[in-house]
């Protein structure tokens, strides 16, 4: 990947980020759709969130 391609990717990511973070709800919906958050809005385990089994143990 050359410098121009990296710059184009950075610009595309910045544009998507700006477009999808105008409100908390919009940002949360975007992160759920991208697969980073669960439907309940919690961080998925593979990204540092707790496993469902761990949450159940703590209750």
PDB file of N, CA and C in Angstrom:
ATOM      1  N   UNK A   1       0.855  -1.163   0.000  1.00  0.00           N
ATOM      2  CA  UNK A   1       0.000   0.000   0.000  1.00  0.00           C
ATOM      3  C   UNK A   1       0.905   1.231   0.000  1.00  0.00           C
ATOM      4  N   UNK A   2       0.624   2.111  -0.913  1.00  0.00           N
ATOM      5  CA  UNK A   2       1.470   3.311  -0.994  1.00  0.00           C
ATOM      6  C   UNK A   2       0.869   4.457  -0.180  1.00  0.00           C
ATOM      7  N   UNK A   3       1.597   5.542  -0.133  1.00  0.00           N
ATOM      8  CA  UNK A   3       1.214   6.701   0.683  1.00  0.00           C
ATOM      9  C   UNK A   3      -0.141   7.284   0.259  1.00  0.00           C
ATOM     10  N   UNK A   4      -0.404   7.344  -1.051  1.00  0.00           N
ATOM     11  CA  UNK A   4      -1.675   7.888  -1.540  1.00  0.00           C
ATOM     12  C   UNK A   4      -2.857   7.012  -1.119  1.00  0.00           C
ATOM     13  N   UNK A   5      -2.677   5.691  -1.174  1.00  0.00           N
ATOM     14  CA  UNK A   5      -3.742   4.782  -0.772  1.00  0.00           C
ATOM     15  C   UNK A   5      -4.032   4.916   0.718  1.00  0.00           C
ATOM     16  N   UNK A   6      -2.995   4.999   1.526  1.00  0.00           N
ATOM     17  CA  UNK A   6      -3.189   5.180   2.969  1.00  0.00           C
ATOM     18  C   UNK A   6      -3.925   6.480   3.261  1.00  0.00           C
ATOM     19  N   UNK A   7      -3.562   7.535   2.555  1.00  0.00           N
ATOM     20  CA  UNK A   7      -4.224   8.827   2.754  1.00  0.00           C
ATOM     21  C   UNK A   7      -5.695   8.754   2.358  1.00  0.00           C
ATOM     22  N   UNK A   8      -5.989   8.078   1.251  1.00  0.00           N
ATOM     23  CA  UNK A   8      -7.371   7.933   0.804  1.00  0.00           C
ATOM     24  C   UNK A   8      -8.197   7.155   1.836  1.00  0.00           C
ATOM     25  N   UNK A   9      -7.616   6.118   2.411  1.00  0.00           N
ATOM     26  CA  UNK A   9      -8.305   5.330   3.430  1.00  0.00           C
ATOM     27  C   UNK A   9      -8.555   6.174   4.670  1.00  0.00           C
ATOM     28  N   UNK A  10      -7.552   6.946   5.093  1.00  0.00           N
ATOM     29  CA  UNK A  10      -7.721   7.824   6.254  1.00  0.00           C
ATOM     30  C   UNK A  10      -8.856   8.818   6.029  1.00  0.00           C
ATOM     31  N   UNK A  11      -8.913   9.395   4.836  1.00  0.00           N
ATOM     32  CA  UNK A  11      -9.962  10.371   4.529  1.00  0.00           C
ATOM     33  C   UNK A  11     -11.338   9.714   4.518  1.00  0.00           C
ATOM     34  N   UNK A  12     -11.440   8.508   3.953  1.00  0.00           N
ATOM     35  CA  UNK A  12     -12.708   7.796   3.912  1.00  0.00           C
ATOM     36  C   UNK A  12     -13.172   7.454   5.325  1.00  0.00           C
ATOM     37  N   UNK A  13     -12.250   6.985   6.164  1.00  0.00           N
ATOM     38  CA  UNK A  13     -12.602   6.661   7.545  1.00  0.00           C
ATOM     39  C   UNK A  13     -13.038   7.901   8.326  1.00  0.00           C
ATOM     40  N   UNK A  14     -12.361   9.002   8.121  1.00  0.00           N
ATOM     41  CA  UNK A  14     -12.735  10.245   8.800  1.00  0.00           C
ATOM     42  C   UNK A  14     -14.123  10.701   8.363  1.00  0.00           C
ATOM     43  N   UNK A  15     -14.413  10.591   7.079  1.00  0.00           N
ATOM     44  CA  UNK A  15     -15.727  10.992   6.558  1.00  0.00           C
ATOM     45  C   UNK A  15     -16.830  10.108   7.153  1.00  0.00           C
ATOM     46  N   UNK A  16     -16.604   8.793   7.171  1.00  0.00           N
ATOM     47  CA  UNK A  16     -17.599   7.871   7.744  1.00  0.00           C
ATOM     48  C   UNK A  16     -17.780   8.132   9.231  1.00  0.00           C
ATOM     49  N   UNK A  17     -16.685   8.367   9.927  1.00  0.00           N
ATOM     50  CA  UNK A  17     -16.755   8.619  11.359  1.00  0.00           C
ATOM     51  C   UNK A  17     -17.542   9.890  11.642  1.00  0.00           C
ATOM     52  N   UNK A  18     -17.246  10.951  10.932  1.00  0.00           N
ATOM     53  CA  UNK A  18     -17.963  12.216  11.122  1.00  0.00           C
ATOM     54  C   UNK A  18     -19.449  12.067  10.804  1.00  0.00           C
ATOM     55  N   UNK A  19     -19.751  11.320   9.756  1.00  0.00           N
ATOM     56  CA  UNK A  19     -21.144  11.142   9.350  1.00  0.00           C
ATOM     57  C   UNK A  19     -21.925  10.296  10.349  1.00  0.00           C
ATOM     58  N   UNK A  20     -21.241   9.368  11.011  1.00  0.00           N
ATOM     59  CA  UNK A  20     -21.933   8.424  11.888  1.00  0.00           C
ATOM     60  C   UNK A  20     -21.832   8.743  13.367  1.00  0.00           C
ATOM     61  N   UNK A  21     -21.331   9.915  13.709  1.00  0.00           N
ATOM     62  CA  UNK A  21     -21.200  10.261  15.129  1.00  0.00           C
ATOM     63  C   UNK A  21     -21.831  11.611  15.451  1.00  0.00           C
ATOM     64  N   UNK A  22     -22.874  11.943  14.738  1.00  0.00           N
ATOM     65  CA  UNK A  22     -23.556  13.214  14.968  1.00  0.00           C
ATOM     66  C   UNK A  22     -24.368  13.202  16.264  1.00  0.00           C
ATOM     67  N   UNK A  23     -24.770  12.013  16.706  1.00  0.00           N
ATOM     68  CA  UNK A  23     -25.481  11.878  17.982  1.00  0.00           C
ATOM     69  C   UNK A  23     -25.047  10.572  18.637  1.00  0.00           C
ATOM     70  N   UNK A  24     -25.302  10.454  19.920  1.00  0.00           N
ATOM     71  CA  UNK A  24     -24.931   9.233  20.640  1.00  0.00           C
ATOM     72  C   UNK A  24     -25.673   8.031  20.070  1.00  0.00           C
ATOM     73  N   UNK A  25     -26.966   8.179  19.797  1.00  0.00           N
ATOM     74  CA  UNK A  25     -27.755   7.073  19.256  1.00  0.00           C
ATOM     75  C   UNK A  25     -27.235   6.654  17.894  1.00  0.00           C
ATOM     76  N   UNK A  26     -26.935   7.620  17.050  1.00  0.00           N
ATOM     77  CA  UNK A  26     -26.431   7.313  15.720  1.00  0.00           C
ATOM     78  C   UNK A  26     -25.089   6.576  15.811  1.00  0.00           C
ATOM     79  N   UNK A  27     -24.225   7.021  16.709  1.00  0.00           N
ATOM     80  CA  UNK A  27     -22.920   6.373  16.886  1.00  0.00           C
ATOM     81  C   UNK A  27     -23.089   4.951  17.418  1.00  0.00           C
ATOM     82  N   UNK A  28     -23.979   4.775  18.392  1.00  0.00           N
ATOM     83  CA  UNK A  28     -24.212   3.447  18.951  1.00  0.00           C
ATOM     84  C   UNK A  28     -24.773   2.508  17.893  1.00  0.00           C
ATOM     85  N   UNK A  29     -25.750   2.980  17.126  1.00  0.00           N
ATOM     86  CA  UNK A  29     -26.326   2.162  16.053  1.00  0.00           C
ATOM     87  C   UNK A  29     -25.261   1.760  15.037  1.00  0.00           C
ATOM     88  N   UNK A  30     -24.384   2.688  14.692  1.00  0.00           N
ATOM     89  CA  UNK A  30     -23.316   2.410  13.732  1.00  0.00           C
ATOM     90  C   UNK A  30     -22.375   1.327  14.275  1.00  0.00           C
ATOM     91  N   UNK A  31     -21.986   1.451  15.547  1.00  0.00           N
ATOM     92  CA  UNK A  31     -21.074   0.471  16.145  1.00  0.00           C
ATOM     93  C   UNK A  31     -21.727  -0.906  16.276  1.00  0.00           C
ATOM     94  N   UNK A  32     -23.031  -0.937  16.514  1.00  0.00           N
ATOM     95  CA  UNK A  32     -23.759  -2.212  16.538  1.00  0.00           C
ATOM     96  C   UNK A  32     -23.758  -2.814  15.139  1.00  0.00           C
ATOM     97  N   UNK A  33     -24.070  -2.005  14.140  1.00  0.00           N
ATOM     98  CA  UNK A  33     -24.092  -2.492  12.753  1.00  0.00           C
ATOM     99  C   UNK A  33     -22.715  -2.959  12.286  1.00  0.00           C
ATOM    100  N   UNK A  34     -21.670  -2.332  12.767  1.00  0.00           N
ATOM    101  CA  UNK A  34     -20.302  -2.719  12.404  1.00  0.00           C
ATOM    102  C   UNK A  34     -19.837  -3.952  13.170  1.00  0.00           C
ATOM    103  N   UNK A  35     -20.585  -4.342  14.205  1.00  0.00           N
ATOM    104  CA  UNK A  35     -20.259  -5.548  14.954  1.00  0.00           C
ATOM    105  C   UNK A  35     -19.359  -5.336  16.155  1.00  0.00           C
ATOM    106  N   UNK A  36     -19.097  -4.098  16.539  1.00  0.00           N
ATOM    107  CA  UNK A  36     -18.253  -3.836  17.701  1.00  0.00           C
ATOM    108  C   UNK A  36     -19.037  -3.919  19.007  1.00  0.00           C
ATOM    109  N   UNK A  37     -20.330  -3.602  18.936  1.00  0.00           N
ATOM    110  CA  UNK A  37     -21.189  -3.639  20.116  1.00  0.00           C
ATOM    111  C   UNK A  37     -22.281  -4.682  19.927  1.00  0.00           C
ATOM    112  N   UNK A  38     -22.777  -5.211  21.052  1.00  0.00           N
ATOM    113  CA  UNK A  38     -23.920  -6.128  21.005  1.00  0.00           C
ATOM    114  C   UNK A  38     -25.189  -5.311  20.758  1.00  0.00           C
ATOM    115  N   UNK A  39     -26.286  -6.007  20.544  1.00  0.00           N
ATOM    116  CA  UNK A  39     -27.569  -5.328  20.344  1.00  0.00           C
ATOM    117  C   UNK A  39     -27.960  -4.499  21.564  1.00  0.00           C
ATOM    118  N   UNK A  40     -27.424  -4.863  22.743  1.00  0.00           N
ATOM    119  CA  UNK A  40     -27.695  -4.122  23.969  1.00  0.00           C
ATOM    120  C   UNK A  40     -26.744  -2.944  24.142  1.00  0.00           C
ATOM    121  N   UNK A  41     -25.822  -2.763  23.201  1.00  0.00           N
ATOM    122  CA  UNK A  41     -24.899  -1.633  23.274  1.00  0.00           C
ATOM    123  C   UNK A  41     -23.640  -1.898  24.089  1.00  0.00           C
ATOM    124  N   UNK A  42     -23.382  -3.157  24.418  1.00  0.00           N
ATOM    125  CA  UNK A  42     -22.185  -3.522  25.187  1.00  0.00           C
ATOM    126  C   UNK A  42     -21.053  -3.918  24.234  1.00  0.00           C
ATOM    127  N   UNK A  43     -19.830  -3.636  24.631  1.00  0.00           N
ATOM    128  CA  UNK A  43     -18.663  -3.990  23.841  1.00  0.00           C
ATOM    129  C   UNK A  43     -18.568  -5.502  23.722  1.00  0.00           C
ATOM    130  N   UNK A  44     -18.369  -5.997  22.499  1.00  0.00           N
ATOM    131  CA  UNK A  44     -18.241  -7.440  22.283  1.00  0.00           C
ATOM    132  C   UNK A  44     -16.959  -7.952  22.920  1.00  0.00           C
ATOM    133  N   UNK A  45     -16.994  -9.205  23.359  1.00  0.00           N
ATOM    134  CA  UNK A  45     -15.864  -9.812  24.070  1.00  0.00           C
ATOM    135  C   UNK A  45     -14.573  -9.747  23.264  1.00  0.00           C
ATOM    136  N   UNK A  46     -14.642  -9.965  21.957  1.00  0.00           N
ATOM    137  CA  UNK A  46     -13.418  -9.965  21.151  1.00  0.00           C
ATOM    138  C   UNK A  46     -12.748  -8.596  21.080  1.00  0.00           C
ATOM    139  N   UNK A  47     -13.449  -7.556  21.517  1.00  0.00           N
ATOM    140  CA  UNK A  47     -12.883  -6.202  21.533  1.00  0.00           C
ATOM    141  C   UNK A  47     -12.639  -5.708  22.963  1.00  0.00           C
ATOM    142  N   UNK A  48     -12.714  -6.612  23.931  1.00  0.00           N
ATOM    143  CA  UNK A  48     -12.407  -6.250  25.306  1.00  0.00           C
ATOM    144  C   UNK A  48     -13.588  -6.253  26.260  1.00  0.00           C
ATOM    145  N   UNK A  49     -14.784  -6.499  25.746  1.00  0.00           N
ATOM    146  CA  UNK A  49     -15.962  -6.579  26.603  1.00  0.00           C
ATOM    147  C   UNK A  49     -16.011  -7.917  27.325  1.00  0.00           C
ATOM    148  N   UNK A  50     -16.955  -8.044  28.220  1.00  0.00           N
ATOM    149  CA  UNK A  50     -17.096  -9.278  28.990  1.00  0.00           C
ATOM    150  C   UNK A  50     -17.878 -10.319  28.199  1.00  0.00           C
ATOM    151  N   UNK A  51     -17.516 -11.583  28.402  1.00  0.00           N
ATOM    152  CA  UNK A  51     -18.275 -12.699  27.841  1.00  0.00           C
ATOM    153  C   UNK A  51     -19.618 -12.759  28.545  1.00  0.00           C
ATOM    154  N   UNK A  52     -20.635 -13.261  27.885  1.00  0.00           N
ATOM    155  CA  UNK A  52     -21.952 -13.395  28.508  1.00  0.00           C
ATOM    156  C   UNK A  52     -21.872 -14.262  29.750  1.00  0.00           C
ATOM    157  N   UNK A  53     -21.079 -15.337  29.729  1.00  0.00           N
ATOM    158  CA  UNK A  53     -20.950 -16.225  30.881  1.00  0.00           C
ATOM    159  C   UNK A  53     -20.376 -15.477  32.085  1.00  0.00           C
ATOM    160  N   UNK A  54     -19.434 -14.584  31.849  1.00  0.00           N
ATOM    161  CA  UNK A  54     -18.833 -13.804  32.943  1.00  0.00           C
ATOM    162  C   UNK A  54     -19.856 -12.869  33.553  1.00  0.00           C
ATOM    163  N   UNK A  55     -20.700 -12.263  32.734  1.00  0.00           N
ATOM    164  CA  UNK A  55     -21.714 -11.345  33.236  1.00  0.00           C
ATOM    165  C   UNK A  55     -22.697 -12.086  34.136  1.00  0.00           C
ATOM    166  N   UNK A  56     -23.073 -13.301  33.740  1.00  0.00           N
ATOM    167  CA  UNK A  56     -24.020 -14.096  34.501  1.00  0.00           C
ATOM    168  C   UNK A  56     -23.445 -14.476  35.853  1.00  0.00           C
ATOM    169  N   UNK A  57     -22.150 -14.805  35.907  1.00  0.00           N
ATOM    170  CA  UNK A  57     -21.485 -15.177  37.161  1.00  0.00           C
ATOM    171  C   UNK A  57     -21.495 -14.023  38.163  1.00  0.00           C
ATOM    172  N   UNK A  58     -21.355 -12.787  37.688  1.00  0.00           N
ATOM    173  CA  UNK A  58     -21.260 -11.618  38.566  1.00  0.00           C
ATOM    174  C   UNK A  58     -22.588 -11.243  39.192  1.00  0.00           C
ATOM    175  N   UNK A  59     -23.697 -11.695  38.620  1.00  0.00           N
ATOM    176  CA  UNK A  59     -25.024 -11.306  39.124  1.00  0.00           C
ATOM    177  C   UNK A  59     -25.389 -12.015  40.373  1.00  0.00           C
TER     178      UNK A  59
END
